Amino acid sequence: MDNTIESISEIGIRICLDLRPYSIIDKKKFNELYEKLDELNTKINITTPSLIPKELIKMLLYISDGIIVQCNFSEKKDHLINEWIILNSRLSKIFNVRNDKTVEVNIEQELDSHTNHVKIHTAGIIFKQLHQLIYNSDLILTPSRYKEVGSLYDTKDENLMAYWRFLSIIESKLN
């Protein structure tokens, strides 16, 4: 599994170099990432590990959030939003947190309890909550509100504000 995680990190860095500052979505690189995520999903299902490295979660958050952040600096957001939806649907499959099986979890406590690893279920809840906040935000529902570059951070949208607060907490706990 270590080689797969290392490959995901390497691809993630290349994706983020394209993403910032030019808003480039290189489908070839994203397809490489998706292949590695499928490989990771297979390994998780075969070995059923209960913990995954925090470094993997940090990289996946960095890519996902990088797309959202770049929406703030790009006049055209459709290609960014579309790729974000694809990426997050893949992450949802890997970390598979179903609505009927969601258990109350103190995310901060869970992230503090394991030095270099995160429970797969906890990672799933993190990605699911972040996904829901963005998916229910004006960025997705009415993207025309954010035509002006820089307007994404100057918002009253409760979901976007909650997204950045939650992400900030998660990132601080992963470091």
Protein backbone atom coordinates (compact mmCIF):
# COMPACT_ATOMS: atom_id res chain seq x y z
CA MET A 1 0.00 0.00 0.00
CA ASP A 2 2.96 2.33 0.66
CA ASN A 3 3.89 2.49 -3.04
CA THR A 4 0.33 3.39 -3.99
CA ILE A 5 0.22 6.16 -1.39
CA GLU A 6 3.58 7.49 -2.58
CA SER A 7 2.32 7.47 -6.19
CA ILE A 8 -0.83 9.36 -5.16
CA SER A 9 1.33 11.99 -3.45
CA GLU A 10 3.57 12.40 -6.50
CA ILE A 11 0.61 12.74 -8.86
CA GLY A 12 -1.09 15.11 -6.42
CA ILE A 13 1.90 17.45 -6.45
CA ARG A 14 1.93 17.51 -10.25
CA ILE A 15 -1.82 18.19 -10.33
CA CYS A 16 -1.51 21.06 -7.87
CA LEU A 17 1.35 22.62 -9.85
CA ASP A 18 -0.99 22.80 -12.86
CA LEU A 19 -3.93 23.89 -10.79
CA ARG A 20 -2.27 26.83 -9.14
CA PRO A 21 -1.97 29.47 -10.57
CA TYR A 22 -3.30 28.54 -14.01
CA SER A 23 -6.51 26.58 -13.24
CA ILE A 24 -5.38 23.76 -15.52
CA ILE A 25 -7.16 20.44 -15.17
CA ASP A 26 -4.90 17.96 -16.91
CA LYS A 27 -7.20 14.99 -17.49
CA LYS A 28 -4.25 12.66 -18.06
CA LYS A 29 -2.89 13.42 -14.59
CA PHE A 30 -6.32 13.16 -12.99
CA ASN A 31 -6.89 9.82 -14.73
CA GLU A 32 -3.54 8.64 -13.31
CA LEU A 33 -4.76 9.74 -9.88
CA TYR A 34 -8.07 7.91 -10.34
CA GLU A 35 -6.23 4.72 -11.34
CA LYS A 36 -4.13 4.95 -8.17
CA LEU A 37 -7.24 5.65 -6.09
CA ASP A 38 -8.88 2.55 -7.60
CA GLU A 39 -5.73 0.60 -6.70
CA LEU A 40 -5.89 1.98 -3.15
CA ASN A 41 -9.57 1.06 -2.91
CA THR A 42 -8.78 -2.51 -3.96
CA LYS A 43 -5.97 -2.76 -1.40
CA ILE A 44 -8.18 -1.38 1.34
CA ASN A 45 -10.92 -3.88 0.50
CA ILE A 46 -8.48 -6.81 0.36
CA THR A 47 -6.46 -6.04 3.47
CA THR A 48 -9.22 -4.23 5.40
CA PRO A 49 -6.84 -1.95 7.32
CA SER A 50 -8.57 0.09 9.98
CA LEU A 51 -6.02 2.92 9.76
CA ILE A 52 -4.55 4.90 6.87
CA PRO A 53 -1.69 7.39 6.97
CA LYS A 54 -2.51 11.01 7.76
CA GLU A 55 -0.18 11.99 4.93
CA LEU A 56 -2.58 10.41 2.43
CA ILE A 57 -5.54 12.31 3.88
CA LYS A 58 -3.55 15.55 3.81
CA MET A 59 -2.65 15.07 0.14
CA LEU A 60 -6.20 14.20 -0.90
CA LEU A 61 -7.52 17.23 1.01
CA TYR A 62 -4.86 19.39 -0.61
CA ILE A 63 -5.95 18.33 -4.10
CA SER A 64 -9.68 18.62 -3.37
CA ASP A 65 -9.36 21.96 -1.61
CA GLY A 66 -6.91 23.18 -4.25
CA ILE A 67 -9.66 22.87 -6.81
CA ILE A 68 -12.10 24.82 -4.62
CA VAL A 69 -9.53 27.51 -3.82
CA GLN A 70 -8.69 27.90 -7.49
CA CYS A 71 -12.37 28.64 -8.16
CA ASN A 72 -11.72 31.90 -6.32
CA PHE A 73 -9.05 32.91 -8.81
CA SER A 74 -10.60 31.73 -12.05
CA GLU A 75 -13.28 33.48 -14.07
CA LYS A 76 -14.32 30.15 -15.57
CA LYS A 77 -15.07 27.57 -12.91
CA ASP A 78 -17.05 24.85 -14.69
CA HIS A 79 -14.03 22.64 -15.47
CA LEU A 80 -12.83 22.99 -11.87
CA ILE A 81 -16.19 22.22 -10.33
CA ASN A 82 -16.76 19.25 -12.64
CA GLU A 83 -13.40 17.71 -11.73
CA TRP A 84 -14.01 18.38 -8.04
CA ILE A 85 -17.28 16.43 -8.28
CA ILE A 86 -15.55 13.51 -10.01
CA LEU A 87 -12.70 13.46 -7.48
CA ASN A 88 -15.01 13.58 -4.49
CA SER A 89 -17.27 10.85 -5.84
CA ARG A 90 -14.14 8.65 -6.10
CA LEU A 91 -13.12 9.54 -2.54
CA SER A 92 -16.63 8.71 -1.32
CA LYS A 93 -16.34 5.24 -2.84
CA ILE A 94 -12.99 4.60 -1.20
CA PHE A 95 -13.97 5.78 2.26
CA ASN A 96 -17.61 4.62 1.88
CA VAL A 97 -19.58 6.21 4.69
CA ARG A 98 -23.21 5.37 4.12
CA ASN A 99 -25.93 7.55 5.58
CA ASP A 100 -27.62 4.71 7.42
CA LYS A 101 -24.36 3.61 9.07
CA THR A 102 -23.04 7.02 10.14
CA VAL A 103 -22.12 7.00 13.79
CA GLU A 104 -21.44 10.12 15.80
CA VAL A 105 -17.69 10.62 15.76
CA ASN A 106 -15.69 13.37 17.40
CA ILE A 107 -13.41 14.12 14.44
CA GLU A 108 -10.94 16.21 16.43
CA GLN A 109 -10.61 13.56 19.12
CA GLU A 110 -10.20 10.81 16.52
CA LEU A 111 -7.47 12.75 14.71
CA ASP A 112 -5.66 13.34 18.00
CA SER A 113 -5.88 9.70 19.09
CA HIS A 114 -3.62 8.21 16.40
CA THR A 115 -0.18 9.68 15.86
CA ASN A 116 0.40 9.16 12.13
CA HIS A 117 -2.79 7.43 11.07
CA VAL A 118 -6.53 8.02 10.75
CA LYS A 119 -9.33 5.49 10.97
CA ILE A 120 -10.78 4.87 7.53
CA HIS A 121 -14.27 5.60 8.85
CA THR A 122 -13.08 8.95 10.26
CA ALA A 123 -11.47 9.87 6.91
CA GLY A 124 -14.76 9.00 5.22
CA ILE A 125 -16.72 11.28 7.53
CA ILE A 126 -14.26 14.13 6.93
CA PHE A 127 -14.54 13.87 3.14
CA LYS A 128 -18.29 13.38 3.30
CA GLN A 129 -18.84 16.47 5.45
CA LEU A 130 -16.57 18.65 3.33
CA HIS A 131 -18.24 17.35 0.17
CA GLN A 132 -21.72 18.09 1.50
CA LEU A 133 -20.78 21.64 2.52
CA ILE A 134 -19.41 22.47 -0.94
CA TYR A 135 -22.13 20.59 -2.79
CA ASN A 136 -24.82 22.53 -0.91
CA SER A 137 -23.03 25.87 -1.28
CA ASP A 138 -23.71 28.67 -3.70
CA LEU A 139 -20.52 27.74 -5.55
CA ILE A 140 -22.36 24.68 -6.88
CA LEU A 141 -25.97 25.85 -6.66
CA THR A 142 -25.51 29.34 -8.14
CA PRO A 143 -21.94 29.69 -9.42
CA SER A 144 -22.88 32.90 -11.25
CA ARG A 145 -22.63 34.66 -7.87
CA TYR A 146 -18.86 34.17 -8.04
CA LYS A 147 -18.05 35.49 -11.51
CA GLU A 148 -15.72 38.11 -10.06
CA VAL A 149 -12.25 36.85 -9.19
CA GLY A 150 -11.80 36.88 -5.42
CA SER A 151 -15.51 36.83 -4.63
CA LEU A 152 -15.53 33.29 -3.23
CA TYR A 153 -13.88 34.46 -0.03
CA ASP A 154 -16.14 37.49 0.20
CA THR A 155 -19.31 35.48 0.71
CA LYS A 156 -22.16 35.20 3.14
CA ASP A 157 -22.85 31.59 2.12
CA GLU A 158 -23.04 29.60 5.36
CA ASN A 159 -21.93 26.37 3.71
CA LEU A 160 -18.76 27.91 2.28
CA MET A 161 -17.91 29.56 5.59
CA ALA A 162 -18.54 26.26 7.42
CA TYR A 163 -16.37 24.46 4.84
CA TRP A 164 -13.38 26.72 5.52
CA ARG A 165 -13.83 26.51 9.29
CA PHE A 166 -14.08 22.71 9.25
CA LEU A 167 -11.18 22.36 6.81
CA SER A 168 -9.03 24.60 9.01
CA ILE A 169 -9.73 22.40 12.04
CA ILE A 170 -8.96 19.22 10.10
CA GLU A 171 -5.73 20.60 8.65
CA SER A 172 -4.53 21.73 12.08
CA LYS A 173 -5.16 18.24 13.48
CA LEU A 174 -3.39 16.53 10.58
CA ASN A 175 -0.18 18.52 11.06
